[in-house]
Amino acid sequence: MGFLDRFRRRRAPLLHIAGDEGIGSPVILVHGIASSSVTFELLVPLLVARHRAISIDLLGFGESPAPADANYTIEEHVAALARTIDSLRLREKFVLVGHSMGSLISARYAATHPRALSNLVLVSPPVYVNPAAIGDPRSRAAMDLYLRAYEYLRSNKKFTMRNAAMLARLSPIRNVLDVSERNWTPFVLSLENLIESQTTISDLAAVRVPVDVVYGSLDPFLTPGGLRIVEQLRNVTTHRVEANDHIIRHRLARVVATAIG
């Protein structure tokens, strides 16, 4: 294999830019696992009067490429996001907004690209740590339960696809949840390598810009143990939105828009 072949193999793919609208300071929107940029359907209209809202589909999801040799680690996700952001040739700092798994990717990007952002907004971040690191027995048991549940989901394909399809039909945003044959490998590997095994706490500790964390009081994917650790980090401001779950519904969208500024 020649030098150019090795270079092409290592180079991160460009992701699909699903939306780019509005005029003003840029805001880059990064969705979560098993979803696409439709995640921000209710948020974008609240931004475009003052911001350039740019929605990006993550590696393996939406209309972005799904390389056959990808392992869907956080390094691969961040490398693809970074190359795509570089391709935009932005001339000013931007607000980076990540939802769910996208918030974990955004935290790593912010930690490794300190001069690119003006601030970071994490929406419904599923922050998990090793249960052994949690002192409170109830929080430790809850964390262990979440990790076991994720292992079950990626080990039982038919069950996961069937239930994802059922939840998608109940969602107020069309196609916001998609677990299918097309993205099964990105889903499973991202779940295992990025959500179940994550470094979000240390990534956030390295972020130098202000961080806003917005979450719903009814979010089933948040753990008290992980949230408490995040709340104690410097530069982090949390916003609890009552009667909202994991999806960016109207009420949550308004709080996120306010955090963006």
Protein backbone atom coordinates (compact mmCIF):
# COMPACT_ATOMS: atom_id res chain seq x y z
CA MET A 1 0.00 0.00 0.00
CA GLY A 2 1.46 3.37 -1.07
CA PHE A 3 1.58 6.60 0.91
CA LEU A 4 -1.46 8.10 -0.83
CA ASP A 5 -3.48 4.94 -0.19
CA ARG A 6 -2.63 5.04 3.52
CA PHE A 7 -3.49 8.75 3.65
CA ARG A 8 -6.88 8.24 2.02
CA ARG A 9 -7.65 5.36 4.40
CA ARG A 10 -6.84 7.44 7.48
CA ARG A 11 -8.61 10.59 6.35
CA ALA A 12 -11.96 11.12 8.03
CA PRO A 13 -15.00 11.24 5.72
CA LEU A 14 -17.00 14.38 5.13
CA LEU A 15 -20.41 14.28 6.78
CA HIS A 16 -23.69 15.33 5.25
CA ILE A 17 -24.72 18.91 5.96
CA ALA A 18 -28.47 18.49 6.24
CA GLY A 19 -29.36 22.14 6.81
CA ASP A 20 -27.67 25.52 6.54
CA GLU A 21 -30.03 28.45 6.98
CA GLY A 22 -30.27 31.83 8.61
CA ILE A 23 -27.88 34.75 8.83
CA GLY A 24 -25.73 35.63 11.81
CA SER A 25 -23.27 33.95 14.13
CA PRO A 26 -22.98 30.22 13.37
CA VAL A 27 -24.55 27.47 15.44
CA ILE A 28 -23.62 23.88 14.61
CA LEU A 29 -26.15 21.21 15.56
CA VAL A 30 -25.13 17.58 16.17
CA HIS A 31 -27.81 14.93 16.72
CA GLY A 32 -27.69 11.71 18.72
CA ILE A 33 -27.56 7.97 18.12
CA ALA A 34 -30.15 6.32 15.86
CA SER A 35 -31.34 9.69 14.61
CA SER A 36 -30.51 12.46 12.16
CA SER A 37 -30.71 16.21 11.87
CA VAL A 38 -34.51 16.07 12.07
CA THR A 39 -33.79 16.05 15.83
CA PHE A 40 -33.62 19.86 15.61
CA GLU A 41 -36.82 20.38 13.63
CA LEU A 42 -38.41 22.48 16.37
CA LEU A 43 -35.22 24.29 17.37
CA VAL A 44 -33.97 25.63 14.04
CA PRO A 45 -36.94 28.02 13.48
CA LEU A 46 -36.10 29.64 16.82
CA LEU A 47 -32.51 30.32 15.72
CA VAL A 48 -32.54 31.51 12.12
CA ALA A 49 -33.50 35.12 12.87
CA ARG A 50 -30.19 35.67 14.66
CA HIS A 51 -27.99 32.74 13.72
CA ARG A 52 -26.74 30.64 10.85
CA ALA A 53 -28.02 27.21 11.89
CA ILE A 54 -25.99 24.34 10.45
CA SER A 55 -27.25 20.78 10.99
CA ILE A 56 -24.88 17.87 10.43
CA ASP A 57 -25.67 14.15 10.18
CA LEU A 58 -23.26 12.02 12.21
CA LEU A 59 -21.06 9.29 10.77
CA GLY A 60 -23.24 6.31 9.84
CA PHE A 61 -26.54 8.11 10.40
CA GLY A 62 -28.93 10.20 8.34
CA GLU A 63 -27.40 10.77 4.90
CA SER A 64 -23.79 10.69 6.06
CA PRO A 65 -21.42 7.95 4.89
CA ALA A 66 -21.06 4.68 6.79
CA PRO A 67 -17.54 3.37 5.98
CA ALA A 68 -17.30 -0.40 5.99
CA ASP A 69 -14.13 -0.33 8.09
CA ALA A 70 -15.37 2.19 10.69
CA ASN A 71 -15.41 1.20 14.37
CA TYR A 72 -17.51 4.22 15.37
CA THR A 73 -15.30 5.26 18.23
CA ILE A 74 -15.51 8.77 19.62
CA GLU A 75 -12.22 9.53 17.87
CA GLU A 76 -13.71 8.59 14.50
CA HIS A 77 -16.90 10.54 15.12
CA VAL A 78 -14.97 13.64 16.21
CA ALA A 79 -12.51 13.39 13.32
CA ALA A 80 -15.36 13.29 10.79
CA LEU A 81 -17.14 16.16 12.53
CA ALA A 82 -13.93 18.21 12.66
CA ARG A 83 -13.19 17.71 8.96
CA THR A 84 -16.75 18.69 8.07
CA ILE A 85 -16.62 21.82 10.22
CA ASP A 86 -13.27 22.73 8.67
CA SER A 87 -14.86 22.43 5.23
CA LEU A 88 -17.32 25.19 6.17
CA ARG A 89 -14.41 27.66 6.49
CA LEU A 90 -16.09 29.60 9.26
CA ARG A 91 -14.41 32.91 10.04
CA GLU A 92 -15.72 33.31 13.56
CA LYS A 93 -16.23 31.20 16.64
CA PHE A 94 -19.42 29.18 16.77
CA VAL A 95 -21.82 27.66 19.27
CA LEU A 96 -21.73 23.86 19.21
CA VAL A 97 -24.96 22.12 20.21
CA GLY A 98 -25.05 18.38 20.77
CA HIS A 99 -28.09 16.27 21.56
CA SER A 100 -27.85 12.88 23.34
CA MET A 101 -24.85 11.00 21.91
CA GLY A 102 -24.09 14.11 19.89
CA SER A 103 -23.44 15.90 23.17
CA LEU A 104 -20.72 13.38 24.03
CA ILE A 105 -19.09 13.94 20.64
CA SER A 106 -19.47 17.69 21.03
CA ALA A 107 -17.81 17.61 24.46
CA ARG A 108 -14.77 15.83 23.02
CA TYR A 109 -14.64 18.23 20.07
CA ALA A 110 -14.80 21.22 22.42
CA ALA A 111 -12.02 19.76 24.58
CA THR A 112 -9.73 19.18 21.60
CA HIS A 113 -10.57 22.34 19.59
CA PRO A 114 -10.51 25.03 22.31
CA ARG A 115 -10.22 28.00 19.95
CA ALA A 116 -13.09 27.08 17.65
CA LEU A 117 -16.07 27.58 19.99
CA SER A 118 -17.67 30.50 21.78
CA ASN A 119 -19.72 28.15 23.95
CA LEU A 120 -21.01 24.60 24.19
CA VAL A 121 -24.62 23.50 24.69
CA LEU A 122 -25.35 19.90 25.63
CA VAL A 123 -28.94 18.72 25.36
CA SER A 124 -30.07 15.56 27.16
CA PRO A 125 -26.52 14.21 27.60
CA PRO A 126 -26.45 10.51 28.59
CA VAL A 127 -23.46 10.74 30.93
CA TYR A 128 -22.45 7.38 32.36
CA VAL A 129 -19.48 6.38 34.50
CA ASN A 130 -18.19 3.12 35.89
CA PRO A 131 -20.72 2.09 38.58
CA ALA A 132 -17.83 1.28 40.91
CA ALA A 133 -16.92 4.99 40.94
CA ILE A 134 -20.31 5.94 42.46
CA GLY A 135 -20.63 5.94 46.24
CA ASP A 136 -24.41 6.10 46.60
CA PRO A 137 -25.80 2.53 46.37
CA ARG A 138 -29.00 3.54 44.55
CA SER A 139 -27.18 5.64 41.97
CA ARG A 140 -24.61 2.88 41.51
CA ALA A 141 -27.35 0.30 40.92
CA ALA A 142 -29.13 2.61 38.47
CA MET A 143 -25.94 3.16 36.49
CA ASP A 144 -25.29 -0.56 36.30
CA LEU A 145 -28.86 -1.15 35.13
CA TYR A 146 -28.50 1.32 32.25
CA LEU A 147 -25.28 -0.27 31.04
CA ARG A 148 -26.81 -3.75 31.19
CA ALA A 149 -29.84 -2.52 29.25
CA TYR A 150 -27.65 -1.11 26.47
CA GLU A 151 -25.76 -4.37 26.24
CA TYR A 152 -29.09 -6.16 25.86
CA LEU A 153 -30.24 -3.79 23.10
CA ARG A 154 -27.18 -4.30 20.94
CA SER A 155 -27.27 -8.06 21.53
CA ASN A 156 -30.93 -8.48 20.52
CA LYS A 157 -31.39 -7.03 17.05
CA LYS A 158 -35.01 -7.99 16.40
CA PHE A 159 -36.18 -6.78 19.81
CA THR A 160 -34.37 -3.45 19.40
CA MET A 161 -35.60 -2.77 15.88
CA ARG A 162 -39.18 -3.69 16.74
CA ASN A 163 -39.31 -1.45 19.79
CA ALA A 164 -37.50 1.41 18.06
CA ALA A 165 -40.10 1.32 15.28
CA MET A 166 -42.91 1.41 17.85
CA LEU A 167 -41.38 4.40 19.65
CA ALA A 168 -40.80 6.17 16.33
CA ARG A 169 -44.50 5.97 15.54
CA LEU A 170 -45.29 7.67 18.85
CA SER A 171 -42.75 10.45 18.44
CA PRO A 172 -43.95 14.00 17.71
CA ILE A 173 -41.06 14.43 15.25
CA ARG A 174 -41.17 12.22 12.19
CA ASN A 175 -38.16 9.91 11.65
CA VAL A 176 -36.42 11.20 14.79
CA LEU A 177 -35.68 7.59 15.77
CA ASP A 178 -34.33 5.17 13.20
CA VAL A 179 -32.83 1.78 13.97
CA SER A 180 -32.78 -0.25 10.78
CA GLU A 181 -30.68 -2.68 8.76
CA ARG A 182 -29.04 0.32 7.10
CA ASN A 183 -27.63 1.78 10.31
CA TRP A 184 -27.52 -1.26 12.60
CA THR A 185 -23.72 -1.51 12.59
CA PRO A 186 -23.19 2.23 13.30
CA PHE A 187 -25.83 1.98 16.04
CA VAL A 188 -24.33 -1.05 17.77
CA LEU A 189 -20.71 0.10 17.58
CA SER A 190 -21.50 3.68 18.59
CA LEU A 191 -23.52 2.42 21.54
CA GLU A 192 -20.73 0.14 22.70
CA ASN A 193 -17.70 2.29 21.94
CA LEU A 194 -19.03 5.74 22.68
CA ILE A 195 -21.96 5.62 25.10
CA GLU A 196 -21.22 2.55 27.21
CA SER A 197 -17.49 3.35 27.29
CA GLN A 198 -17.21 7.11 27.49
CA THR A 199 -14.89 9.84 28.68
CA THR A 200 -17.40 12.68 28.88
CA ILE A 201 -16.56 13.80 32.41
CA SER A 202 -12.86 14.20 31.66
CA ASP A 203 -13.67 15.83 28.31
CA LEU A 204 -15.93 18.39 29.98
CA ALA A 205 -13.29 19.06 32.62
CA ALA A 206 -10.95 20.09 29.78
CA VAL A 207 -13.42 22.43 28.07
CA ARG A 208 -12.51 26.10 28.46
CA VAL A 209 -15.67 27.77 27.14
CA PRO A 210 -18.98 28.13 29.02
CA VAL A 211 -21.08 24.96 28.97
CA ASP A 212 -24.87 24.88 29.24
CA VAL A 213 -26.55 21.55 29.93
CA VAL A 214 -30.27 21.38 29.15
CA TYR A 215 -32.33 18.34 30.10
CA GLY A 216 -35.90 17.28 30.67
CA SER A 217 -37.17 16.22 34.08
CA LEU A 218 -38.74 13.12 32.49
CA ASP A 219 -35.71 12.05 30.45
CA PRO A 220 -35.40 8.27 30.87
CA PHE A 221 -31.77 8.20 29.66
CA LEU A 222 -30.27 10.44 32.32
CA THR A 223 -28.84 9.02 35.51
CA PRO A 224 -28.72 11.02 38.77
CA GLY A 225 -25.13 9.93 39.39
CA GLY A 226 -23.83 11.18 36.07
CA LEU A 227 -25.83 14.40 36.22
CA ARG A 228 -24.56 15.25 39.70
CA ILE A 229 -20.96 14.95 38.55
CA VAL A 230 -21.60 17.20 35.55
CA GLU A 231 -23.29 19.83 37.73
CA GLN A 232 -20.19 20.09 39.91
CA LEU A 233 -17.83 20.89 37.03
CA ARG A 234 -16.64 24.45 36.57
CA ASN A 235 -18.08 26.53 33.72
CA VAL A 236 -21.18 24.30 33.64
CA THR A 237 -24.70 25.71 34.02
CA THR A 238 -27.61 23.29 34.07
CA HIS A 239 -31.19 23.97 32.98
CA ARG A 240 -33.90 21.53 34.05
CA VAL A 241 -37.04 21.63 31.88
CA GLU A 242 -40.13 20.26 33.57
CA ALA A 243 -42.42 17.78 31.84
CA ASN A 244 -40.00 17.10 28.98
CA ASP A 245 -38.40 13.80 28.02
CA HIS A 246 -35.37 13.06 25.81
CA ILE A 247 -36.78 14.59 22.63
CA ILE A 248 -36.37 18.29 21.82
CA ARG A 249 -40.00 19.28 22.09
CA HIS A 250 -41.26 22.88 21.99
CA ARG A 251 -40.56 23.65 25.66
CA LEU A 252 -37.06 22.19 25.60
CA ALA A 253 -36.34 23.91 22.26
CA ARG A 254 -37.12 27.32 23.77
CA VAL A 255 -34.72 26.76 26.67
CA VAL A 256 -31.99 25.56 24.31
CA ALA A 257 -32.50 28.61 22.09
CA THR A 258 -32.13 30.88 25.13
CA ALA A 259 -28.93 29.09 26.16
CA ILE A 260 -27.53 29.60 22.65
CA GLY A 261 -28.26 33.32 22.93
